[in-house]
N, C-alpha and C. Protein backbone atom coordinates (compact mmCIF):
# COMPACT_ATOMS: atom_id res chain seq x y z
N MET A 1 0.82 -1.20 0.00
CA MET A 1 0.00 0.00 0.00
C MET A 1 0.87 1.27 0.00
N ARG A 2 2.06 1.18 0.60
CA ARG A 2 2.94 2.34 0.64
C ARG A 2 3.36 2.77 -0.76
N ARG A 3 3.61 1.79 -1.62
CA ARG A 3 4.01 2.13 -2.99
C ARG A 3 2.90 2.89 -3.70
N TRP A 4 1.68 2.43 -3.51
CA TRP A 4 0.56 3.13 -4.14
C TRP A 4 0.43 4.54 -3.59
N GLY A 5 0.58 4.68 -2.28
CA GLY A 5 0.50 6.00 -1.67
C GLY A 5 1.56 6.94 -2.20
N PHE A 6 2.78 6.43 -2.35
CA PHE A 6 3.87 7.24 -2.87
C PHE A 6 3.60 7.62 -4.33
N PHE A 7 3.10 6.66 -5.11
CA PHE A 7 2.78 6.94 -6.51
C PHE A 7 1.71 8.04 -6.60
N ILE A 8 0.66 7.92 -5.83
CA ILE A 8 -0.43 8.90 -5.85
C ILE A 8 0.10 10.27 -5.43
N PHE A 9 0.92 10.30 -4.39
CA PHE A 9 1.53 11.56 -3.95
C PHE A 9 2.33 12.19 -5.08
N CYS A 10 3.15 11.40 -5.77
CA CYS A 10 3.98 11.92 -6.86
C CYS A 10 3.13 12.46 -8.01
N VAL A 11 2.06 11.75 -8.36
CA VAL A 11 1.19 12.21 -9.45
C VAL A 11 0.53 13.53 -9.06
N ILE A 12 0.05 13.62 -7.83
CA ILE A 12 -0.60 14.86 -7.38
C ILE A 12 0.41 16.00 -7.37
N ALA A 13 1.60 15.76 -6.84
CA ALA A 13 2.62 16.82 -6.79
C ALA A 13 2.99 17.28 -8.20
N TRP A 14 3.17 16.34 -9.14
CA TRP A 14 3.52 16.68 -10.52
C TRP A 14 2.38 17.47 -11.18
N THR A 15 1.16 17.05 -10.93
CA THR A 15 0.01 17.74 -11.51
C THR A 15 -0.07 19.18 -11.00
N ILE A 16 0.11 19.35 -9.71
CA ILE A 16 0.10 20.70 -9.14
C ILE A 16 1.22 21.53 -9.76
N GLY A 17 2.40 20.94 -9.85
CA GLY A 17 3.52 21.65 -10.46
C GLY A 17 3.25 22.08 -11.89
N LEU A 18 2.53 21.25 -12.63
CA LEU A 18 2.20 21.59 -14.02
C LEU A 18 1.14 22.67 -14.13
N LEU A 19 0.28 22.76 -13.11
CA LEU A 19 -0.87 23.67 -13.22
C LEU A 19 -0.74 24.95 -12.40
N VAL A 20 0.34 25.10 -11.67
CA VAL A 20 0.55 26.34 -10.93
C VAL A 20 0.63 27.47 -11.96
N PRO A 21 -0.20 28.52 -11.78
CA PRO A 21 -0.25 29.57 -12.80
C PRO A 21 1.07 30.27 -13.06
N ASN A 22 1.82 30.55 -12.03
CA ASN A 22 3.07 31.28 -12.20
C ASN A 22 4.14 30.57 -11.37
N PRO A 23 4.70 29.49 -11.90
CA PRO A 23 5.64 28.71 -11.10
C PRO A 23 6.90 29.50 -10.76
N THR A 24 7.44 29.23 -9.58
CA THR A 24 8.70 29.84 -9.19
C THR A 24 9.79 29.27 -10.09
N SER A 25 10.55 30.14 -10.65
CA SER A 25 11.58 29.69 -11.59
C SER A 25 12.95 29.69 -10.93
N PRO A 26 13.68 28.60 -11.12
CA PRO A 26 15.06 28.59 -10.62
C PRO A 26 15.98 29.39 -11.54
N PHE A 27 15.40 29.96 -12.60
CA PHE A 27 16.19 30.68 -13.59
C PHE A 27 16.11 32.18 -13.37
N SER A 28 16.73 32.64 -12.32
CA SER A 28 16.76 34.07 -12.09
C SER A 28 18.20 34.55 -12.17
N GLY A 29 18.36 35.79 -12.43
CA GLY A 29 19.70 36.35 -12.50
C GLY A 29 20.45 35.92 -13.74
N ARG A 30 21.70 35.61 -13.58
CA ARG A 30 22.57 35.29 -14.71
C ARG A 30 22.18 34.01 -15.43
N VAL A 31 21.67 33.03 -14.70
CA VAL A 31 21.31 31.76 -15.33
C VAL A 31 20.26 31.98 -16.40
N ALA A 32 19.33 32.90 -16.17
CA ALA A 32 18.27 33.16 -17.14
C ALA A 32 18.82 33.75 -18.43
N ASP A 33 20.02 34.29 -18.39
CA ASP A 33 20.60 34.90 -19.58
C ASP A 33 21.21 33.90 -20.54
N ILE A 34 21.38 32.66 -20.11
CA ILE A 34 21.94 31.64 -21.00
C ILE A 34 20.86 31.24 -22.01
N PRO A 35 21.12 31.46 -23.30
CA PRO A 35 20.08 31.21 -24.31
C PRO A 35 19.62 29.75 -24.31
N GLY A 36 18.32 29.57 -24.19
CA GLY A 36 17.71 28.26 -24.31
C GLY A 36 17.80 27.37 -23.09
N LEU A 37 18.53 27.78 -22.04
CA LEU A 37 18.72 26.89 -20.89
C LEU A 37 17.39 26.56 -20.22
N LYS A 38 16.57 27.55 -20.00
CA LYS A 38 15.29 27.31 -19.34
C LYS A 38 14.46 26.32 -20.14
N PHE A 39 14.44 26.47 -21.44
CA PHE A 39 13.67 25.57 -22.31
C PHE A 39 14.17 24.13 -22.14
N TYR A 40 15.48 23.91 -22.26
CA TYR A 40 16.02 22.55 -22.19
C TYR A 40 15.84 21.92 -20.82
N VAL A 41 16.01 22.70 -19.79
CA VAL A 41 15.83 22.16 -18.45
C VAL A 41 14.36 21.79 -18.22
N SER A 42 13.44 22.65 -18.62
CA SER A 42 12.02 22.34 -18.39
C SER A 42 11.57 21.12 -19.20
N LYS A 43 12.10 20.96 -20.40
CA LYS A 43 11.73 19.79 -21.22
C LYS A 43 12.36 18.52 -20.65
N THR A 44 13.57 18.64 -20.11
CA THR A 44 14.21 17.49 -19.48
C THR A 44 13.42 17.06 -18.24
N VAL A 45 12.89 18.04 -17.51
CA VAL A 45 12.08 17.73 -16.34
C VAL A 45 10.81 16.99 -16.76
N HIS A 46 10.19 17.39 -17.86
CA HIS A 46 9.01 16.68 -18.38
C HIS A 46 9.35 15.21 -18.63
N VAL A 47 10.41 14.97 -19.36
CA VAL A 47 10.80 13.59 -19.70
C VAL A 47 11.13 12.82 -18.42
N GLY A 48 11.91 13.43 -17.55
CA GLY A 48 12.32 12.75 -16.33
C GLY A 48 11.17 12.43 -15.40
N ALA A 49 10.22 13.34 -15.28
CA ALA A 49 9.08 13.12 -14.38
C ALA A 49 8.24 11.94 -14.86
N TYR A 50 7.97 11.87 -16.16
CA TYR A 50 7.16 10.76 -16.66
C TYR A 50 7.94 9.45 -16.66
N ALA A 51 9.25 9.50 -16.85
CA ALA A 51 10.07 8.29 -16.74
C ALA A 51 10.02 7.77 -15.30
N PHE A 52 10.13 8.68 -14.34
CA PHE A 52 10.08 8.30 -12.93
C PHE A 52 8.71 7.71 -12.57
N LEU A 53 7.64 8.38 -13.01
CA LEU A 53 6.30 7.86 -12.72
C LEU A 53 6.09 6.49 -13.35
N THR A 54 6.65 6.29 -14.54
CA THR A 54 6.54 5.00 -15.21
C THR A 54 7.27 3.92 -14.41
N LEU A 55 8.46 4.24 -13.93
CA LEU A 55 9.19 3.28 -13.10
C LEU A 55 8.39 2.92 -11.85
N LEU A 56 7.75 3.90 -11.27
CA LEU A 56 6.91 3.61 -10.10
C LEU A 56 5.80 2.65 -10.47
N VAL A 57 5.16 2.87 -11.62
CA VAL A 57 4.07 1.99 -12.06
C VAL A 57 4.58 0.56 -12.26
N VAL A 58 5.74 0.43 -12.87
CA VAL A 58 6.30 -0.90 -13.14
C VAL A 58 6.41 -1.70 -11.85
N TYR A 59 6.77 -1.05 -10.77
CA TYR A 59 7.01 -1.76 -9.52
C TYR A 59 5.84 -1.67 -8.53
N LEU A 60 4.68 -1.20 -8.99
CA LEU A 60 3.49 -1.22 -8.14
C LEU A 60 2.96 -2.64 -8.04
N PRO A 61 2.43 -3.00 -6.88
CA PRO A 61 1.81 -4.32 -6.79
C PRO A 61 0.50 -4.32 -7.59
N GLY A 62 0.23 -5.41 -8.25
CA GLY A 62 -1.01 -5.51 -9.01
C GLY A 62 -0.81 -6.34 -10.26
N SER A 63 -1.88 -6.55 -10.95
CA SER A 63 -1.86 -7.39 -12.15
C SER A 63 -1.27 -6.63 -13.34
N ARG A 64 -0.98 -7.38 -14.39
CA ARG A 64 -0.51 -6.76 -15.63
C ARG A 64 -1.56 -5.81 -16.18
N ARG A 65 -2.80 -6.22 -16.09
CA ARG A 65 -3.89 -5.38 -16.60
C ARG A 65 -3.93 -4.05 -15.85
N LEU A 66 -3.77 -4.10 -14.55
CA LEU A 66 -3.77 -2.87 -13.76
C LEU A 66 -2.60 -1.97 -14.16
N ARG A 67 -1.43 -2.57 -14.35
CA ARG A 67 -0.28 -1.76 -14.77
C ARG A 67 -0.52 -1.15 -16.15
N PHE A 68 -1.10 -1.93 -17.05
CA PHE A 68 -1.41 -1.38 -18.37
C PHE A 68 -2.36 -0.19 -18.24
N LEU A 69 -3.35 -0.31 -17.39
CA LEU A 69 -4.28 0.81 -17.16
C LEU A 69 -3.56 2.02 -16.57
N MET A 70 -2.57 1.78 -15.73
CA MET A 70 -1.82 2.89 -15.14
C MET A 70 -0.94 3.56 -16.20
N PHE A 71 -0.38 2.78 -17.14
CA PHE A 71 0.38 3.39 -18.24
C PHE A 71 -0.55 4.24 -19.10
N ALA A 72 -1.76 3.73 -19.33
CA ALA A 72 -2.75 4.51 -20.09
C ALA A 72 -3.10 5.78 -19.32
N PHE A 73 -3.22 5.68 -18.00
CA PHE A 73 -3.48 6.85 -17.18
C PHE A 73 -2.37 7.89 -17.33
N LEU A 74 -1.10 7.44 -17.30
CA LEU A 74 0.00 8.39 -17.47
C LEU A 74 -0.05 9.06 -18.83
N SER A 75 -0.38 8.30 -19.85
CA SER A 75 -0.51 8.87 -21.19
C SER A 75 -1.61 9.93 -21.22
N LEU A 76 -2.76 9.58 -20.68
CA LEU A 76 -3.88 10.53 -20.62
C LEU A 76 -3.52 11.74 -19.77
N HIS A 77 -2.80 11.52 -18.68
CA HIS A 77 -2.37 12.62 -17.82
C HIS A 77 -1.55 13.63 -18.60
N GLY A 78 -0.68 13.15 -19.47
CA GLY A 78 0.13 14.05 -20.29
C GLY A 78 -0.74 14.95 -21.16
N PHE A 79 -1.75 14.37 -21.80
CA PHE A 79 -2.65 15.16 -22.64
C PHE A 79 -3.49 16.13 -21.82
N VAL A 80 -4.10 15.61 -20.76
CA VAL A 80 -5.02 16.43 -19.95
C VAL A 80 -4.29 17.57 -19.26
N SER A 81 -3.10 17.31 -18.74
CA SER A 81 -2.38 18.39 -18.04
C SER A 81 -2.02 19.52 -19.00
N GLU A 82 -1.66 19.18 -20.22
CA GLU A 82 -1.35 20.24 -21.20
C GLU A 82 -2.62 20.99 -21.59
N TYR A 83 -3.71 20.30 -21.74
CA TYR A 83 -4.98 20.96 -22.04
C TYR A 83 -5.37 21.91 -20.91
N LEU A 84 -5.22 21.44 -19.68
CA LEU A 84 -5.57 22.27 -18.53
C LEU A 84 -4.65 23.48 -18.40
N GLN A 85 -3.40 23.34 -18.80
CA GLN A 85 -2.50 24.51 -18.78
C GLN A 85 -3.03 25.59 -19.72
N ASN A 86 -3.62 25.19 -20.82
CA ASN A 86 -4.20 26.16 -21.77
C ASN A 86 -5.47 26.80 -21.25
N THR A 87 -6.25 26.04 -20.49
CA THR A 87 -7.57 26.54 -20.10
C THR A 87 -7.63 27.14 -18.70
N LEU A 88 -6.80 26.65 -17.78
CA LEU A 88 -6.90 27.11 -16.39
C LEU A 88 -5.91 28.21 -16.03
N THR A 89 -4.85 28.34 -16.80
CA THR A 89 -3.84 29.33 -16.46
C THR A 89 -3.68 30.32 -17.60
N THR A 90 -3.25 31.52 -17.26
CA THR A 90 -2.98 32.51 -18.29
C THR A 90 -1.49 32.66 -18.56
N GLN A 91 -0.67 32.27 -17.58
CA GLN A 91 0.77 32.42 -17.75
C GLN A 91 1.43 31.18 -18.37
N ARG A 92 0.69 30.11 -18.51
CA ARG A 92 1.26 28.87 -19.04
C ARG A 92 0.47 28.46 -20.27
N THR A 93 1.14 27.77 -21.16
CA THR A 93 0.47 27.28 -22.36
C THR A 93 0.73 25.79 -22.51
N GLY A 94 -0.30 25.09 -22.93
CA GLY A 94 -0.15 23.68 -23.21
C GLY A 94 0.55 23.50 -24.54
N SER A 95 1.19 22.37 -24.72
CA SER A 95 1.97 22.15 -25.92
C SER A 95 1.93 20.68 -26.32
N LEU A 96 1.68 20.43 -27.60
CA LEU A 96 1.75 19.06 -28.09
C LEU A 96 3.18 18.53 -27.99
N ARG A 97 4.15 19.41 -28.10
CA ARG A 97 5.55 19.01 -27.94
C ARG A 97 5.76 18.44 -26.54
N ASP A 98 5.17 19.08 -25.53
CA ASP A 98 5.30 18.57 -24.16
C ASP A 98 4.62 17.22 -24.01
N VAL A 99 3.48 17.04 -24.67
CA VAL A 99 2.80 15.74 -24.64
C VAL A 99 3.71 14.68 -25.25
N LEU A 100 4.35 15.01 -26.36
CA LEU A 100 5.28 14.08 -27.00
C LEU A 100 6.44 13.76 -26.05
N LEU A 101 6.98 14.78 -25.40
CA LEU A 101 8.07 14.56 -24.45
C LEU A 101 7.63 13.73 -23.25
N ASP A 102 6.39 13.93 -22.81
CA ASP A 102 5.85 13.10 -21.73
C ASP A 102 5.87 11.63 -22.14
N HIS A 103 5.49 11.37 -23.38
CA HIS A 103 5.46 9.99 -23.87
C HIS A 103 6.87 9.44 -24.09
N VAL A 104 7.79 10.29 -24.45
CA VAL A 104 9.19 9.86 -24.52
C VAL A 104 9.64 9.42 -23.12
N GLY A 105 9.24 10.18 -22.12
CA GLY A 105 9.57 9.82 -20.74
C GLY A 105 8.96 8.48 -20.34
N ILE A 106 7.72 8.23 -20.74
CA ILE A 106 7.08 6.95 -20.45
C ILE A 106 7.86 5.82 -21.10
N LEU A 107 8.23 6.00 -22.36
CA LEU A 107 8.99 4.96 -23.06
C LEU A 107 10.37 4.75 -22.43
N LEU A 108 11.03 5.83 -22.04
CA LEU A 108 12.33 5.70 -21.38
C LEU A 108 12.20 4.98 -20.03
N GLY A 109 11.13 5.27 -19.31
CA GLY A 109 10.89 4.58 -18.04
C GLY A 109 10.70 3.09 -18.25
N LEU A 110 9.96 2.72 -19.28
CA LEU A 110 9.77 1.30 -19.59
C LEU A 110 11.09 0.65 -20.00
N LEU A 111 11.85 1.36 -20.81
CA LEU A 111 13.15 0.84 -21.24
C LEU A 111 14.08 0.66 -20.05
N PHE A 112 14.13 1.65 -19.18
CA PHE A 112 15.00 1.57 -18.01
C PHE A 112 14.56 0.43 -17.10
N ALA A 113 13.26 0.25 -16.92
CA ALA A 113 12.76 -0.86 -16.09
C ALA A 113 13.16 -2.20 -16.70
N GLY A 114 13.11 -2.29 -18.03
CA GLY A 114 13.54 -3.52 -18.69
C GLY A 114 15.01 -3.80 -18.47
N VAL A 115 15.83 -2.77 -18.51
CA VAL A 115 17.27 -2.94 -18.27
C VAL A 115 17.51 -3.40 -16.84
N ILE A 116 16.81 -2.79 -15.90
CA ILE A 116 16.95 -3.17 -14.50
C ILE A 116 16.55 -4.64 -14.31
N ASP A 117 15.41 -5.03 -14.86
CA ASP A 117 14.95 -6.42 -14.72
C ASP A 117 15.91 -7.39 -15.38
N HIS A 118 16.44 -7.01 -16.54
CA HIS A 118 17.39 -7.88 -17.23
C HIS A 118 18.65 -8.09 -16.39
N ARG A 119 19.15 -7.02 -15.82
CA ARG A 119 20.36 -7.13 -14.98
C ARG A 119 20.08 -7.95 -13.73
N ARG A 120 18.90 -7.76 -13.15
CA ARG A 120 18.55 -8.55 -11.97
C ARG A 120 18.48 -10.03 -12.31
N SER A 121 17.86 -10.37 -13.42
CA SER A 121 17.73 -11.78 -13.78
C SER A 121 19.09 -12.38 -14.11
N ARG A 122 19.96 -11.62 -14.75
CA ARG A 122 21.32 -12.11 -15.04
C ARG A 122 22.10 -12.31 -13.74
N ALA A 123 21.94 -11.39 -12.81
CA ALA A 123 22.65 -11.50 -11.53
C ALA A 123 22.15 -12.71 -10.74
N SER A 124 20.84 -12.94 -10.74
CA SER A 124 20.32 -14.08 -9.97
C SER A 124 20.72 -15.39 -10.63
N THR A 125 20.81 -15.42 -11.94
CA THR A 125 21.26 -16.62 -12.65
C THR A 125 22.73 -16.88 -12.34
N LYS A 126 23.51 -15.82 -12.31
CA LYS A 126 24.94 -15.92 -12.02
C LYS A 126 25.16 -16.42 -10.60
N ASP A 127 24.33 -15.93 -9.64
CA ASP A 127 24.45 -16.34 -8.25
C ASP A 127 24.16 -17.83 -8.08
N ARG A 128 23.27 -18.36 -8.92
CA ARG A 128 22.92 -19.79 -8.83
C ARG A 128 23.92 -20.66 -9.55
N GLY A 129 24.88 -20.05 -10.25
CA GLY A 129 25.92 -20.80 -10.94
C GLY A 129 25.48 -21.35 -12.28
N GLU A 130 24.37 -20.85 -12.83
CA GLU A 130 23.90 -21.33 -14.12
C GLU A 130 24.66 -20.63 -15.24
N ARG A 131 24.70 -21.28 -16.38
CA ARG A 131 25.37 -20.69 -17.54
C ARG A 131 24.47 -19.63 -18.15
N LEU A 132 25.08 -18.55 -18.58
CA LEU A 132 24.37 -17.48 -19.25
C LEU A 132 24.49 -17.66 -20.74
N PRO A 133 23.43 -17.31 -21.49
CA PRO A 133 23.52 -17.45 -22.96
C PRO A 133 24.50 -16.46 -23.57
């Protein structure tokens, strides 16, 4: 149950962060003068947040069907949060590019989870003294 609680907390926190009308920017002073830095950092955060949420889903207790539904939820969340940025806030705009980046994050999270599982299975096989292909 703790994993589910942590996942729900993370989704709520990310949603709030996406919908805050005028988010506090870490880009003040000289850092803001670097061309394009704010753009690249904010897009990296989009990808990273959805990759992290995807990893959480992979390791949630439940059936495959439930996990599939949670991946669909993350996909829908990407679309809905961008739509709500357009409709609920005046200082923020929704973007199909951000939706695409959200989905890149989901795919990267799945890929990373696969790498982790592959390494775990190889390590457990190695510990048992079995031959690896």
